[in-house]
Protein backbone atom coordinates (compact mmCIF):
# COMPACT_ATOMS: atom_id res chain seq x y z
CA UNK A 1 32.53 1.69 65.95
CA UNK A 2 36.25 2.26 65.68
CA UNK A 3 36.27 1.78 61.91
CA UNK A 4 33.90 4.72 61.41
CA UNK A 5 35.96 6.96 63.70
CA UNK A 6 39.15 5.98 61.86
CA UNK A 7 37.57 6.84 58.50
CA UNK A 8 36.34 10.23 59.76
CA UNK A 9 39.77 11.10 61.18
CA UNK A 10 41.44 9.89 57.97
CA UNK A 11 39.28 12.27 55.91
CA UNK A 12 40.18 15.12 58.29
CA UNK A 13 43.90 14.25 58.11
CA UNK A 14 43.76 14.29 54.31
CA UNK A 15 42.05 17.70 54.27
CA UNK A 16 44.59 19.10 56.75
CA UNK A 17 47.48 17.42 54.88
CA UNK A 18 48.67 15.73 58.10
CA UNK A 19 51.07 13.17 56.61
CA UNK A 20 51.79 11.26 59.83
CA UNK A 21 48.13 10.90 60.85
CA UNK A 22 47.15 9.98 57.29
CA UNK A 23 49.74 7.20 57.20
CA UNK A 24 48.80 5.77 60.60
CA UNK A 25 45.07 5.96 59.93
CA UNK A 26 45.44 4.42 56.47
CA UNK A 27 47.31 1.45 57.96
CA UNK A 28 44.75 1.03 60.73
CA UNK A 29 41.81 1.28 58.30
CA UNK A 30 43.49 -1.26 56.04
CA UNK A 31 43.99 -3.68 58.97
CA UNK A 32 40.35 -3.29 60.00
CA UNK A 33 39.10 -3.72 56.42
CA UNK A 34 41.18 -6.84 55.80
CA UNK A 35 40.07 -8.43 59.08
CA UNK A 36 36.46 -7.68 58.19
CA UNK A 37 36.91 -9.14 54.73
CA UNK A 38 38.57 -12.25 56.16
CA UNK A 39 35.73 -12.72 58.68
CA UNK A 40 33.08 -12.12 56.04
CA UNK A 41 31.01 -9.84 58.27
CA UNK A 42 31.31 -6.75 60.44
CA UNK A 43 33.80 -6.86 63.29
CA UNK A 44 32.63 -6.76 66.89
CA UNK A 45 33.92 -3.91 69.09
CA UNK A 46 36.20 -6.44 70.86
CA UNK A 47 37.70 -7.54 67.52
CA UNK A 48 38.28 -3.92 66.50
CA UNK A 49 40.00 -3.24 69.83
CA UNK A 50 42.20 -6.31 69.33
CA UNK A 51 43.33 -4.96 65.96
CA UNK A 52 44.11 -1.53 67.41
CA UNK A 53 46.01 -3.24 70.25
CA UNK A 54 48.04 -5.20 67.69
CA UNK A 55 48.97 -1.96 65.93
CA UNK A 56 49.90 -0.38 69.29
CA UNK A 57 52.12 -3.37 70.09
CA UNK A 58 53.89 -3.12 66.71
CA UNK A 59 54.41 0.60 67.19
CA UNK A 60 55.81 -0.01 70.68
CA UNK A 61 58.29 -2.48 69.17
CA UNK A 62 59.32 0.08 66.54
CA UNK A 63 59.70 2.68 69.30
CA UNK A 64 61.98 0.34 71.28
CA UNK A 65 64.09 -0.21 68.18
CA UNK A 66 64.37 3.53 67.59
CA UNK A 67 65.33 4.09 71.23
CA UNK A 68 67.99 1.37 71.05
CA UNK A 69 69.39 3.01 67.92
CA UNK A 70 69.25 6.49 69.52
CA UNK A 71 67.18 7.82 66.60
CA UNK A 72 65.45 10.87 68.03
CA UNK A 73 63.62 11.58 64.77
CA UNK A 74 62.06 8.09 64.74
CA UNK A 75 61.33 8.14 68.48
CA UNK A 76 59.27 11.31 68.09
CA UNK A 77 57.39 9.85 65.11
CA UNK A 78 56.60 6.53 66.86
CA UNK A 79 55.43 8.34 70.02
CA UNK A 80 53.06 10.46 67.91
CA UNK A 81 51.74 7.28 66.28
CA UNK A 82 51.14 5.73 69.70
CA UNK A 83 49.14 8.73 70.91
CA UNK A 84 46.94 8.56 67.81
CA UNK A 85 46.41 4.77 68.01
CA UNK A 86 45.68 4.82 71.74
CA UNK A 87 42.98 7.43 71.17
CA UNK A 88 40.86 4.62 69.65
CA UNK A 89 41.16 2.40 72.72
CA UNK A 90 38.88 2.55 75.74
CA UNK A 91 40.33 4.12 78.90
CA UNK A 92 43.01 1.79 80.24
CA UNK A 93 42.63 0.53 83.81
CA UNK A 94 45.23 1.30 86.46
CA UNK A 95 47.13 -1.54 88.14
CA UNK A 96 45.05 -1.04 91.31
CA UNK A 97 41.81 -1.38 89.32
CA UNK A 98 43.14 -4.53 87.63
CA UNK A 99 44.09 -6.06 91.00
CA UNK A 100 40.58 -5.34 92.35
CA UNK A 101 38.89 -6.91 89.32
CA UNK A 102 41.09 -10.02 89.36
CA UNK A 103 40.83 -10.66 93.10
CA UNK A 104 37.05 -10.29 92.84
CA UNK A 105 37.08 -12.76 89.94
CA UNK A 106 38.82 -15.38 92.09
CA UNK A 107 42.55 -15.13 91.36
CA UNK A 108 44.46 -16.51 94.35
CA UNK A 109 48.07 -17.18 95.36
CA UNK A 110 49.36 -20.52 94.10
CA UNK A 111 47.25 -20.51 90.93
CA UNK A 112 49.13 -21.43 87.76
CA UNK A 113 49.71 -18.70 85.16
CA UNK A 114 47.65 -20.37 82.43
CA UNK A 115 44.54 -20.69 84.61
CA UNK A 116 44.99 -17.14 85.89
CA UNK A 117 45.24 -15.72 82.37
CA UNK A 118 42.11 -17.66 81.31
CA UNK A 119 40.25 -15.69 83.98
CA UNK A 120 42.02 -12.37 83.35
CA UNK A 121 41.91 -12.14 79.53
CA UNK A 122 38.14 -12.05 79.04
CA UNK A 123 37.75 -9.53 81.86
CA UNK A 124 40.52 -7.17 80.79
CA UNK A 125 40.78 -7.38 77.00
CA UNK A 126 40.78 -3.84 75.65
CA UNK A 127 40.85 -2.38 79.16
CA UNK A 128 44.50 -3.15 79.92
CA UNK A 129 47.51 -3.86 77.72
CA UNK A 130 48.98 -7.35 77.75
CA UNK A 131 52.20 -6.51 79.57
CA UNK A 132 50.40 -4.73 82.42
CA UNK A 133 47.90 -7.57 82.66
CA UNK A 134 50.68 -10.19 82.87
CA UNK A 135 52.61 -8.17 85.44
CA UNK A 136 49.59 -7.83 87.72
CA UNK A 137 48.61 -11.50 87.32
CA UNK A 138 52.16 -12.58 88.23
CA UNK A 139 52.07 -10.40 91.35
CA UNK A 140 48.79 -11.98 92.44
CA UNK A 141 49.65 -15.66 91.93
């Protein structure tokens, strides 16, 4: 479970006085805890991955903002956060692997985007980020 791994790394970060890791892991643990509390039971691995993906997306947005503002100090910090957050995600598929999975699942030229994403999302959630998934789906339909 991701939550357990986050807690173990958080304890290690506190012992090592790693301020950046402690902050990132505390936020992630808090997001996982609040989602679990809201659900009223333990989160499934897919739900945990969705929460980590949400944090990755927010960090990517912060990174873009820092890049637009030419803030090298913030860029470095956000990139370090991304590395840490992505370590909790399963190995991401390459575009070629995504194409193979989607063509095998029945995606064909002329299909509308909504129908294509209904096929793609369950197959690729946690295995590919949303922007890559959309890009590949668009190229196939």
